[in-house]
Amino acid sequence: MNISCEEHRSAVVLTLKGECTFEDVDSMRRSVQPFLDRSGLSLVVDGCGLERIDSKGLESLLQLSDDIRAMGGRLCLAGFSGDARLALVLTRLERRFELRETIEEAARAVSLGEAA
């Protein structure tokens, strides 16, 4: 999997491309770690290039979400489709995460505090 994390004006964007499996969870966490101590962090997970995500990948996203919420921030998923979106639906996690179609919509939602 290809992972990148960049800071933008309104949010930090974590981009996931390829397949997110148990082997990638530590790399994903390390990419976001420098930003996790920020109170009120707005994190957008860009899943536009994500082909598949397994249970460990989903678990890692849940943990990130819980950690960010504990610090008064928000996490929003953007562009999840295909098998990655199906994994969210089958596990009913689409109810737990904020889902947006585009990165721009997600960044706007987390920075302005819009409801999901």
N, C-alpha and C. Protein backbone atom coordinates (compact mmCIF):
# COMPACT_ATOMS: atom_id res chain seq x y z
N MET A 1 0.84 -1.17 0.00
CA MET A 1 0.00 0.00 0.00
C MET A 1 0.88 1.23 0.00
N ASN A 2 0.41 2.27 -0.65
CA ASN A 2 1.08 3.55 -0.69
C ASN A 2 0.36 4.48 0.28
N ILE A 3 1.10 5.05 1.23
CA ILE A 3 0.51 5.91 2.26
C ILE A 3 1.23 7.25 2.25
N SER A 4 0.45 8.33 2.29
CA SER A 4 1.06 9.64 2.46
C SER A 4 0.18 10.47 3.39
N CYS A 5 0.82 11.42 4.06
CA CYS A 5 0.09 12.27 4.99
C CYS A 5 0.60 13.69 4.81
N GLU A 6 -0.32 14.60 4.49
CA GLU A 6 0.05 15.99 4.24
C GLU A 6 -0.86 16.92 5.01
N GLU A 7 -0.27 18.00 5.45
CA GLU A 7 -1.05 19.02 6.15
C GLU A 7 -1.53 20.06 5.15
N HIS A 8 -2.81 20.36 5.22
CA HIS A 8 -3.42 21.39 4.40
C HIS A 8 -3.99 22.45 5.33
N ARG A 9 -4.50 23.51 4.78
CA ARG A 9 -5.01 24.60 5.61
C ARG A 9 -6.03 24.15 6.64
N SER A 10 -7.04 23.44 6.19
CA SER A 10 -8.15 23.13 7.09
C SER A 10 -8.07 21.73 7.71
N ALA A 11 -7.18 20.88 7.20
CA ALA A 11 -7.15 19.51 7.71
C ALA A 11 -5.83 18.83 7.34
N VAL A 12 -5.59 17.73 8.01
CA VAL A 12 -4.51 16.83 7.63
C VAL A 12 -5.15 15.75 6.77
N VAL A 13 -4.53 15.44 5.63
CA VAL A 13 -5.09 14.45 4.71
C VAL A 13 -4.18 13.23 4.68
N LEU A 14 -4.74 12.09 5.06
CA LEU A 14 -4.05 10.80 5.00
C LEU A 14 -4.56 10.09 3.75
N THR A 15 -3.66 9.87 2.78
CA THR A 15 -4.04 9.25 1.52
C THR A 15 -3.62 7.79 1.52
N LEU A 16 -4.57 6.91 1.22
CA LEU A 16 -4.33 5.47 1.17
C LEU A 16 -4.58 4.99 -0.25
N LYS A 17 -3.59 4.30 -0.82
CA LYS A 17 -3.75 3.76 -2.18
C LYS A 17 -3.35 2.29 -2.18
N GLY A 18 -4.13 1.49 -2.88
CA GLY A 18 -3.86 0.06 -2.96
C GLY A 18 -4.71 -0.71 -1.98
N GLU A 19 -4.11 -1.69 -1.32
CA GLU A 19 -4.82 -2.53 -0.36
C GLU A 19 -4.31 -2.25 1.04
N CYS A 20 -5.22 -1.94 1.95
CA CYS A 20 -4.86 -1.68 3.35
C CYS A 20 -5.12 -2.96 4.14
N THR A 21 -4.03 -3.62 4.51
CA THR A 21 -4.13 -4.88 5.25
C THR A 21 -3.38 -4.76 6.57
N PHE A 22 -3.40 -5.83 7.34
CA PHE A 22 -2.74 -5.84 8.64
C PHE A 22 -1.28 -5.43 8.54
N GLU A 23 -0.65 -5.69 7.41
CA GLU A 23 0.76 -5.35 7.22
C GLU A 23 0.98 -3.84 7.14
N ASP A 24 -0.05 -3.09 6.84
CA ASP A 24 0.07 -1.65 6.62
C ASP A 24 -0.35 -0.79 7.80
N VAL A 25 -0.94 -1.40 8.81
CA VAL A 25 -1.50 -0.66 9.93
C VAL A 25 -0.44 0.17 10.66
N ASP A 26 0.72 -0.40 10.92
CA ASP A 26 1.77 0.34 11.62
C ASP A 26 2.26 1.52 10.80
N SER A 27 2.41 1.34 9.50
CA SER A 27 2.85 2.44 8.63
C SER A 27 1.82 3.56 8.61
N MET A 28 0.56 3.19 8.58
CA MET A 28 -0.50 4.19 8.58
C MET A 28 -0.46 5.00 9.88
N ARG A 29 -0.31 4.32 10.98
CA ARG A 29 -0.26 4.99 12.29
C ARG A 29 0.96 5.92 12.39
N ARG A 30 2.10 5.44 11.91
CA ARG A 30 3.32 6.27 11.94
C ARG A 30 3.17 7.52 11.08
N SER A 31 2.44 7.42 9.99
CA SER A 31 2.24 8.58 9.12
C SER A 31 1.44 9.68 9.80
N VAL A 32 0.50 9.29 10.63
CA VAL A 32 -0.39 10.23 11.29
C VAL A 32 0.14 10.67 12.65
N GLN A 33 0.99 9.89 13.25
CA GLN A 33 1.47 10.12 14.62
C GLN A 33 1.93 11.56 14.90
N PRO A 34 2.69 12.20 14.01
CA PRO A 34 3.13 13.57 14.33
C PRO A 34 1.99 14.57 14.55
N PHE A 35 0.81 14.26 14.08
CA PHE A 35 -0.32 15.18 14.18
C PHE A 35 -1.28 14.84 15.32
N LEU A 36 -1.14 13.66 15.91
CA LEU A 36 -2.14 13.18 16.86
C LEU A 36 -2.15 13.92 18.19
N ASP A 37 -1.10 14.62 18.52
CA ASP A 37 -1.09 15.34 19.80
C ASP A 37 -1.76 16.71 19.71
N ARG A 38 -2.26 17.06 18.55
CA ARG A 38 -2.93 18.34 18.36
C ARG A 38 -4.38 18.28 18.83
N SER A 39 -4.71 19.20 19.68
CA SER A 39 -6.10 19.31 20.11
C SER A 39 -6.93 19.82 18.94
N GLY A 40 -8.06 19.22 18.70
CA GLY A 40 -8.95 19.66 17.64
C GLY A 40 -8.50 19.29 16.24
N LEU A 41 -7.70 18.25 16.12
CA LEU A 41 -7.20 17.82 14.81
C LEU A 41 -8.35 17.45 13.87
N SER A 42 -8.28 17.93 12.65
CA SER A 42 -9.21 17.54 11.59
C SER A 42 -8.46 16.63 10.64
N LEU A 43 -8.83 15.35 10.60
CA LEU A 43 -8.15 14.38 9.74
C LEU A 43 -9.13 13.86 8.69
N VAL A 44 -8.70 13.95 7.44
CA VAL A 44 -9.46 13.40 6.32
C VAL A 44 -8.69 12.20 5.80
N VAL A 45 -9.34 11.06 5.71
CA VAL A 45 -8.72 9.86 5.13
C VAL A 45 -9.21 9.75 3.70
N ASP A 46 -8.29 9.96 2.77
CA ASP A 46 -8.59 9.91 1.34
C ASP A 46 -8.51 8.46 0.87
N GLY A 47 -9.67 7.88 0.58
CA GLY A 47 -9.74 6.50 0.13
C GLY A 47 -10.01 6.37 -1.36
N CYS A 48 -9.81 7.44 -2.12
CA CYS A 48 -10.09 7.41 -3.57
C CYS A 48 -9.31 6.31 -4.28
N GLY A 49 -8.08 6.08 -3.86
CA GLY A 49 -7.24 5.06 -4.49
C GLY A 49 -7.18 3.77 -3.72
N LEU A 50 -8.05 3.63 -2.72
CA LEU A 50 -8.05 2.43 -1.88
C LEU A 50 -8.88 1.34 -2.55
N GLU A 51 -8.23 0.23 -2.84
CA GLU A 51 -8.92 -0.87 -3.52
C GLU A 51 -9.62 -1.81 -2.55
N ARG A 52 -8.99 -2.04 -1.40
CA ARG A 52 -9.53 -2.99 -0.43
C ARG A 52 -8.99 -2.65 0.94
N ILE A 53 -9.78 -2.93 1.97
CA ILE A 53 -9.34 -2.75 3.35
C ILE A 53 -9.81 -3.94 4.16
N ASP A 54 -8.89 -4.52 4.95
CA ASP A 54 -9.26 -5.69 5.75
C ASP A 54 -9.67 -5.26 7.16
N SER A 55 -9.97 -6.25 8.01
CA SER A 55 -10.48 -5.95 9.35
C SER A 55 -9.47 -5.18 10.20
N LYS A 56 -8.19 -5.45 10.05
CA LYS A 56 -7.17 -4.71 10.80
C LYS A 56 -7.08 -3.27 10.34
N GLY A 57 -7.24 -3.05 9.04
CA GLY A 57 -7.26 -1.69 8.53
C GLY A 57 -8.45 -0.91 9.07
N LEU A 58 -9.62 -1.56 9.09
CA LEU A 58 -10.82 -0.93 9.64
C LEU A 58 -10.65 -0.66 11.14
N GLU A 59 -10.07 -1.61 11.84
CA GLU A 59 -9.82 -1.45 13.28
C GLU A 59 -8.89 -0.27 13.53
N SER A 60 -7.89 -0.12 12.69
CA SER A 60 -6.95 0.98 12.83
C SER A 60 -7.64 2.33 12.61
N LEU A 61 -8.54 2.40 11.62
CA LEU A 61 -9.30 3.63 11.40
C LEU A 61 -10.20 3.95 12.59
N LEU A 62 -10.80 2.92 13.17
CA LEU A 62 -11.63 3.13 14.36
C LEU A 62 -10.80 3.67 15.52
N GLN A 63 -9.61 3.12 15.71
CA GLN A 63 -8.73 3.58 16.79
C GLN A 63 -8.30 5.02 16.56
N LEU A 64 -7.96 5.35 15.32
CA LEU A 64 -7.60 6.73 15.00
C LEU A 64 -8.76 7.67 15.30
N SER A 65 -9.95 7.28 14.89
CA SER A 65 -11.13 8.08 15.14
C SER A 65 -11.34 8.32 16.63
N ASP A 66 -11.23 7.26 17.42
CA ASP A 66 -11.40 7.39 18.88
C ASP A 66 -10.33 8.29 19.48
N ASP A 67 -9.07 8.14 19.04
CA ASP A 67 -7.98 8.97 19.56
C ASP A 67 -8.19 10.44 19.23
N ILE A 68 -8.62 10.70 18.01
CA ILE A 68 -8.83 12.08 17.58
C ILE A 68 -10.02 12.70 18.30
N ARG A 69 -11.09 11.95 18.46
CA ARG A 69 -12.26 12.46 19.19
C ARG A 69 -11.91 12.77 20.64
N ALA A 70 -11.07 11.94 21.25
CA ALA A 70 -10.67 12.15 22.64
C ALA A 70 -9.92 13.48 22.81
N MET A 71 -9.31 13.96 21.73
CA MET A 71 -8.58 15.23 21.76
C MET A 71 -9.43 16.38 21.20
N GLY A 72 -10.72 16.13 20.99
CA GLY A 72 -11.62 17.18 20.51
C GLY A 72 -11.58 17.39 19.01
N GLY A 73 -11.07 16.42 18.26
CA GLY A 73 -10.99 16.56 16.82
C GLY A 73 -12.00 15.69 16.09
N ARG A 74 -11.85 15.65 14.76
CA ARG A 74 -12.77 14.87 13.94
C ARG A 74 -12.02 14.15 12.84
N LEU A 75 -12.53 12.99 12.48
CA LEU A 75 -12.00 12.21 11.37
C LEU A 75 -13.14 12.00 10.38
N CYS A 76 -12.83 12.15 9.11
CA CYS A 76 -13.83 11.98 8.06
C CYS A 76 -13.21 11.17 6.93
N LEU A 77 -13.96 10.24 6.39
CA LEU A 77 -13.50 9.43 5.27
C LEU A 77 -14.03 10.04 3.97
N ALA A 78 -13.16 10.05 2.95
CA ALA A 78 -13.55 10.64 1.66
C ALA A 78 -13.22 9.69 0.53
N GLY A 79 -14.14 9.59 -0.43
CA GLY A 79 -13.87 8.87 -1.65
C GLY A 79 -13.82 7.36 -1.55
N PHE A 80 -14.31 6.78 -0.48
CA PHE A 80 -14.32 5.32 -0.35
C PHE A 80 -15.35 4.76 -1.32
N SER A 81 -14.94 3.82 -2.15
CA SER A 81 -15.85 3.21 -3.12
C SER A 81 -15.44 1.76 -3.34
N GLY A 82 -16.18 1.05 -4.17
CA GLY A 82 -15.85 -0.33 -4.49
C GLY A 82 -15.77 -1.23 -3.27
N ASP A 83 -14.75 -2.09 -3.23
CA ASP A 83 -14.60 -3.04 -2.13
C ASP A 83 -14.34 -2.36 -0.79
N ALA A 84 -13.66 -1.23 -0.81
CA ALA A 84 -13.39 -0.51 0.45
C ALA A 84 -14.70 0.00 1.05
N ARG A 85 -15.58 0.53 0.22
CA ARG A 85 -16.88 1.00 0.69
C ARG A 85 -17.74 -0.18 1.14
N LEU A 86 -17.67 -1.27 0.39
CA LEU A 86 -18.42 -2.46 0.74
C LEU A 86 -18.02 -2.99 2.11
N ALA A 87 -16.73 -2.95 2.43
CA ALA A 87 -16.25 -3.39 3.74
C ALA A 87 -16.88 -2.55 4.85
N LEU A 88 -17.01 -1.25 4.63
CA LEU A 88 -17.66 -0.38 5.61
C LEU A 88 -19.13 -0.74 5.78
N VAL A 89 -19.80 -1.01 4.68
CA VAL A 89 -21.22 -1.33 4.71
C VAL A 89 -21.46 -2.69 5.39
N LEU A 90 -20.68 -3.70 4.99
CA LEU A 90 -20.88 -5.05 5.55
C LEU A 90 -20.62 -5.10 7.06
N THR A 91 -19.70 -4.26 7.52
CA THR A 91 -19.39 -4.23 8.96
C THR A 91 -20.21 -3.18 9.69
N ARG A 92 -21.07 -2.49 8.94
CA ARG A 92 -21.92 -1.41 9.46
C ARG A 92 -21.13 -0.23 10.02
N LEU A 93 -19.88 -0.12 9.62
CA LEU A 93 -19.06 0.98 10.08
C LEU A 93 -19.36 2.28 9.34
N GLU A 94 -20.13 2.20 8.26
CA GLU A 94 -20.51 3.44 7.58
C GLU A 94 -21.37 4.30 8.51
N ARG A 95 -21.93 3.68 9.54
CA ARG A 95 -22.72 4.41 10.53
C ARG A 95 -21.82 5.10 11.56
N ARG A 96 -20.63 4.58 11.71
CA ARG A 96 -19.70 5.09 12.73
C ARG A 96 -18.82 6.23 12.22
N PHE A 97 -18.55 6.22 10.92
CA PHE A 97 -17.68 7.23 10.33
C PHE A 97 -18.49 8.28 9.57
N GLU A 98 -17.91 9.48 9.50
CA GLU A 98 -18.44 10.48 8.59
C GLU A 98 -17.90 10.12 7.21
N LEU A 99 -18.78 10.00 6.23
CA LEU A 99 -18.38 9.66 4.87
C LEU A 99 -18.75 10.80 3.93
N ARG A 100 -17.81 11.19 3.11
CA ARG A 100 -18.04 12.22 2.10
C ARG A 100 -17.54 11.72 0.76
N GLU A 101 -18.08 12.26 -0.31
CA GLU A 101 -17.69 11.83 -1.66
C GLU A 101 -16.31 12.32 -2.04
N THR A 102 -15.96 13.57 -1.68
CA THR A 102 -14.69 14.15 -2.10
C THR A 102 -13.89 14.62 -0.90
N ILE A 103 -12.59 14.81 -1.13
CA ILE A 103 -11.71 15.33 -0.10
C ILE A 103 -12.14 16.74 0.29
N GLU A 104 -12.52 17.53 -0.68
CA GLU A 104 -12.94 18.91 -0.42
C GLU A 104 -14.15 18.96 0.50
N GLU A 105 -15.15 18.10 0.23
CA GLU A 105 -16.34 18.04 1.08
C GLU A 105 -15.97 17.62 2.50
N ALA A 106 -15.08 16.63 2.60
CA ALA A 106 -14.67 16.13 3.91
C ALA A 106 -13.90 17.19 4.68
N ALA A 107 -12.97 17.86 4.02
CA ALA A 107 -12.20 18.92 4.69
C ALA A 107 -13.10 20.04 5.16
N ARG A 108 -14.05 20.41 4.33
CA ARG A 108 -14.99 21.47 4.70
C ARG A 108 -15.83 21.02 5.91
N ALA A 109 -16.26 19.77 5.90
CA ALA A 109 -17.11 19.26 6.99
C ALA A 109 -16.36 19.27 8.32
N VAL A 110 -15.12 18.78 8.34
CA VAL A 110 -14.39 18.71 9.59
C VAL A 110 -13.92 20.07 10.07
N SER A 111 -13.62 20.97 9.15
CA SER A 111 -13.13 22.29 9.57
C SER A 111 -14.25 23.21 10.02
N LEU A 112 -15.43 23.05 9.43
CA LEU A 112 -16.56 23.90 9.80
C LEU A 112 -17.48 23.25 10.84
N GLY A 113 -17.18 22.01 11.18
CA GLY A 113 -17.99 21.33 12.18
C GLY A 113 -19.36 20.93 11.68
N GLU A 114 -19.50 20.72 10.37
CA GLU A 114 -20.78 20.29 9.81
C GLU A 114 -21.15 18.92 10.35
N ALA A 115 -22.42 18.66 10.45
CA ALA A 115 -22.90 17.34 10.85
C ALA A 115 -22.72 16.38 9.68
N ALA A 116 -22.57 15.10 10.01
CA ALA A 116 -22.39 14.07 8.97
C ALA A 116 -23.63 13.91 8.12
